[in-house]
Each structure stands twice: as C-alpha cells, then as structure tokens.
Amino acid sequence: MPTYRVEYTHLGDRQQITLEVDNEALDNEQKFRDAVAQRLAERILPHAELAFRHEDDRTLEQKLDKAYDVQVNKIERE
C-alpha cells in the first residue's frame, strides 16, 4: 500500500499524519479522498464510523468535516 503524508485541521489545529491507502482507491479521485478520510478517521477518531454509516449524498470527507470538524488540507505521496 502506498504511503501518504496528510495535512489536516481538527478543531482549528493543523496537524500531519502518515497513512497507508489501499491501491484500489487510486483509480478515482473521489474514492482516493474518501479512503484517505476513512484512514484518517480510523487513526484519530475511532468513533467516526458512526458518521460514515449515515446515509446521505455527502462524501466521507464531507461527513468527517461536518461531524467532527476535520478537514483534509493536503495529501502528498511519500
């Protein structure tokens, strides 16, 4: 799995984390960003799965922002 350095903001505090993202998510930009959001949530917010289960038309990245005030700012491959 490729490794990415992700810069994110949580409650106004900018932070960085290194995440591995499954190769299957690399073929589509939205699938990739959702995979990054899911991996980020697994690492910093173990209870975030509840927000992801909510069925609506938002992406996982948008759900993470709305429910937990977490925004993905920058993604770089290592």
C-alpha atoms as a PDB file:
ATOM      1  CA  MET A   1       0.000   0.000   0.000  1.00  0.00           C
ATOM      2  CA  PRO A   2       1.317   3.456  -0.870  1.00  0.00           C
ATOM      3  CA  THR A   3       2.080   5.829   1.985  1.00  0.00           C
ATOM      4  CA  TYR A   4       0.866   9.426   2.084  1.00  0.00           C
ATOM      5  CA  ARG A   5       1.592  12.372   4.316  1.00  0.00           C
ATOM      6  CA  VAL A   6      -1.706  14.064   5.106  1.00  0.00           C
ATOM      7  CA  GLU A   7      -2.001  17.563   6.485  1.00  0.00           C
ATOM      8  CA  TYR A   8      -5.324  18.133   8.197  1.00  0.00           C
ATOM      9  CA  THR A   9      -7.078  20.557  10.514  1.00  0.00           C
ATOM     10  CA  HIS A  10      -9.009  19.338  13.546  1.00  0.00           C
ATOM     11  CA  LEU A  11     -10.882  21.937  15.586  1.00  0.00           C
ATOM     12  CA  GLY A  12      -8.648  24.660  14.122  1.00  0.00           C
ATOM     13  CA  ASP A  13      -5.367  22.885  14.932  1.00  0.00           C
ATOM     14  CA  ARG A  14      -3.202  21.958  11.910  1.00  0.00           C
ATOM     15  CA  GLN A  15      -1.558  18.550  12.147  1.00  0.00           C
ATOM     16  CA  GLN A  16       0.182  15.948   9.972  1.00  0.00           C
ATOM     17  CA  ILE A  17      -0.041  12.194   9.878  1.00  0.00           C
ATOM     18  CA  THR A  18       1.310   9.416   7.667  1.00  0.00           C
ATOM     19  CA  LEU A  19      -1.287   6.995   6.299  1.00  0.00           C
ATOM     20  CA  GLU A  20      -1.307   3.951   4.054  1.00  0.00           C
ATOM     21  CA  VAL A  21      -4.051   3.908   1.432  1.00  0.00           C
ATOM     22  CA  ASP A  22      -5.210   0.793  -0.423  1.00  0.00           C
ATOM     23  CA  ASN A  23      -4.203   0.614  -4.101  1.00  0.00           C
ATOM     24  CA  GLU A  24      -7.832   0.010  -5.128  1.00  0.00           C
ATOM     25  CA  ALA A  25      -8.676   3.606  -4.188  1.00  0.00           C
ATOM     26  CA  LEU A  26      -6.109   5.117  -6.546  1.00  0.00           C
ATOM     27  CA  ASP A  27      -8.126   4.806  -9.769  1.00  0.00           C
ATOM     28  CA  ASN A  28     -10.658   7.520  -8.881  1.00  0.00           C
ATOM     29  CA  GLU A  29     -10.003  10.878  -7.187  1.00  0.00           C
ATOM     30  CA  GLN A  30     -13.152  10.769  -5.023  1.00  0.00           C
ATOM     31  CA  LYS A  31     -12.542   7.149  -3.976  1.00  0.00           C
ATOM     32  CA  PHE A  32      -8.977   8.124  -3.081  1.00  0.00           C
ATOM     33  CA  ARG A  33     -10.036  11.154  -0.991  1.00  0.00           C
ATOM     34  CA  ASP A  34     -12.710   9.063   0.768  1.00  0.00           C
ATOM     35  CA  ALA A  35     -10.126   6.351   1.501  1.00  0.00           C
ATOM     36  CA  VAL A  36      -7.798   8.988   2.975  1.00  0.00           C
ATOM     37  CA  ALA A  37     -10.668  10.405   5.069  1.00  0.00           C
ATOM     38  CA  GLN A  38     -11.581   6.945   6.332  1.00  0.00           C
ATOM     39  CA  ARG A  39      -7.981   6.042   7.261  1.00  0.00           C
ATOM     40  CA  LEU A  40      -7.561   9.421   8.961  1.00  0.00           C
ATOM     41  CA  ALA A  41     -10.733   8.900  10.969  1.00  0.00           C
ATOM     42  CA  GLU A  42      -9.632   5.400  11.993  1.00  0.00           C
ATOM     43  CA  ARG A  43      -6.391   6.842  13.374  1.00  0.00           C
ATOM     44  CA  ILE A  44      -7.621   9.993  15.127  1.00  0.00           C
ATOM     45  CA  LEU A  45     -11.344   9.378  15.772  1.00  0.00           C
ATOM     46  CA  PRO A  46     -12.134   5.721  16.471  1.00  0.00           C
ATOM     47  CA  HIS A  47     -15.857   6.513  16.826  1.00  0.00           C
ATOM     48  CA  ALA A  48     -16.117   8.260  13.420  1.00  0.00           C
ATOM     49  CA  GLU A  49     -17.577   5.133  11.824  1.00  0.00           C
ATOM     50  CA  LEU A  50     -20.945   6.289  13.167  1.00  0.00           C
ATOM     51  CA  ALA A  51     -20.861   9.385  10.956  1.00  0.00           C
ATOM     52  CA  PHE A  52     -19.773   7.346   7.931  1.00  0.00           C
ATOM     53  CA  ARG A  53     -22.727   4.988   8.293  1.00  0.00           C
ATOM     54  CA  HIS A  54     -25.223   7.852   7.995  1.00  0.00           C
ATOM     55  CA  GLU A  55     -26.702   7.537   4.516  1.00  0.00           C
ATOM     56  CA  ASP A  56     -26.898  10.758   2.551  1.00  0.00           C
ATOM     57  CA  ASP A  57     -25.319  12.206  -0.568  1.00  0.00           C
ATOM     58  CA  ARG A  58     -22.167  13.539   1.136  1.00  0.00           C
ATOM     59  CA  THR A  59     -18.704  12.048   0.631  1.00  0.00           C
ATOM     60  CA  LEU A  60     -16.797  10.542   3.568  1.00  0.00           C
ATOM     61  CA  GLU A  61     -14.562  13.609   3.553  1.00  0.00           C
ATOM     62  CA  GLN A  62     -17.604  15.902   3.860  1.00  0.00           C
ATOM     63  CA  LYS A  63     -19.077  13.763   6.653  1.00  0.00           C
ATOM     64  CA  LEU A  64     -15.798  13.936   8.575  1.00  0.00           C
ATOM     65  CA  ASP A  65     -15.821  17.716   8.275  1.00  0.00           C
ATOM     66  CA  LYS A  66     -19.462  18.139   9.310  1.00  0.00           C
ATOM     67  CA  ALA A  67     -19.495  15.655  12.198  1.00  0.00           C
ATOM     68  CA  TYR A  68     -16.007  16.182  13.670  1.00  0.00           C
ATOM     69  CA  ASP A  69     -14.665  19.463  12.212  1.00  0.00           C
ATOM     70  CA  VAL A  70     -11.793  17.666  10.465  1.00  0.00           C
ATOM     71  CA  GLN A  71     -10.638  18.991   7.088  1.00  0.00           C
ATOM     72  CA  VAL A  72      -8.051  17.343   4.849  1.00  0.00           C
ATOM     73  CA  ASN A  73      -5.842  20.179   3.584  1.00  0.00           C
ATOM     74  CA  LYS A  74      -3.038  18.483   1.669  1.00  0.00           C
ATOM     75  CA  ILE A  75      -2.097  14.964   0.558  1.00  0.00           C
ATOM     76  CA  GLU A  76       1.424  14.080  -0.610  1.00  0.00           C
ATOM     77  CA  ARG A  77       2.770  10.695  -1.568  1.00  0.00           C
ATOM     78  CA  GLU A  78       5.909   9.722   0.329  1.00  0.00           C
END
